[in-house]
Amino acid sequence: MINTRLALALKTIGLKQTNLADKLLISVHDIRNMASRKKKITPKFALLLEDKFNINPVWLIFGRGEMIEKTEKTIKVSSIFNQNNSRVCMLELEKRITALENK
């Protein structure tokens, strides 16, 4: 389940929810809601975790692939955030899922 994967990612990077919120500059309330499944983990949040901690966003949201990416990132995440467009984030995740399926 996605909340279990989020908890495992936090444990792996050695952070508590409050520390993660501080490092990502988002509210701890949002992280707690994602961890408890009251709020969906967004593609933008998943890509931010990738940018800061190398957590695979496809693994986080869909449970596919490895938790920690072992290859170079295929995109510059900051360019996605500058666009502030969740559709662009979702398209990037779909592209990565397709790549996994074609392996």
Foldseek 3Di string as FASTA:
>chain_A
DLLVLVVVLCVVVVHDLVVVCVVLVHDSVVVVCCNVVVDPDALLNLVSCCVVPQAHSLCNRPVDDDGHDPDDDPDDSVVVVVVVDSVVSVVVSVVVVVVSVVD
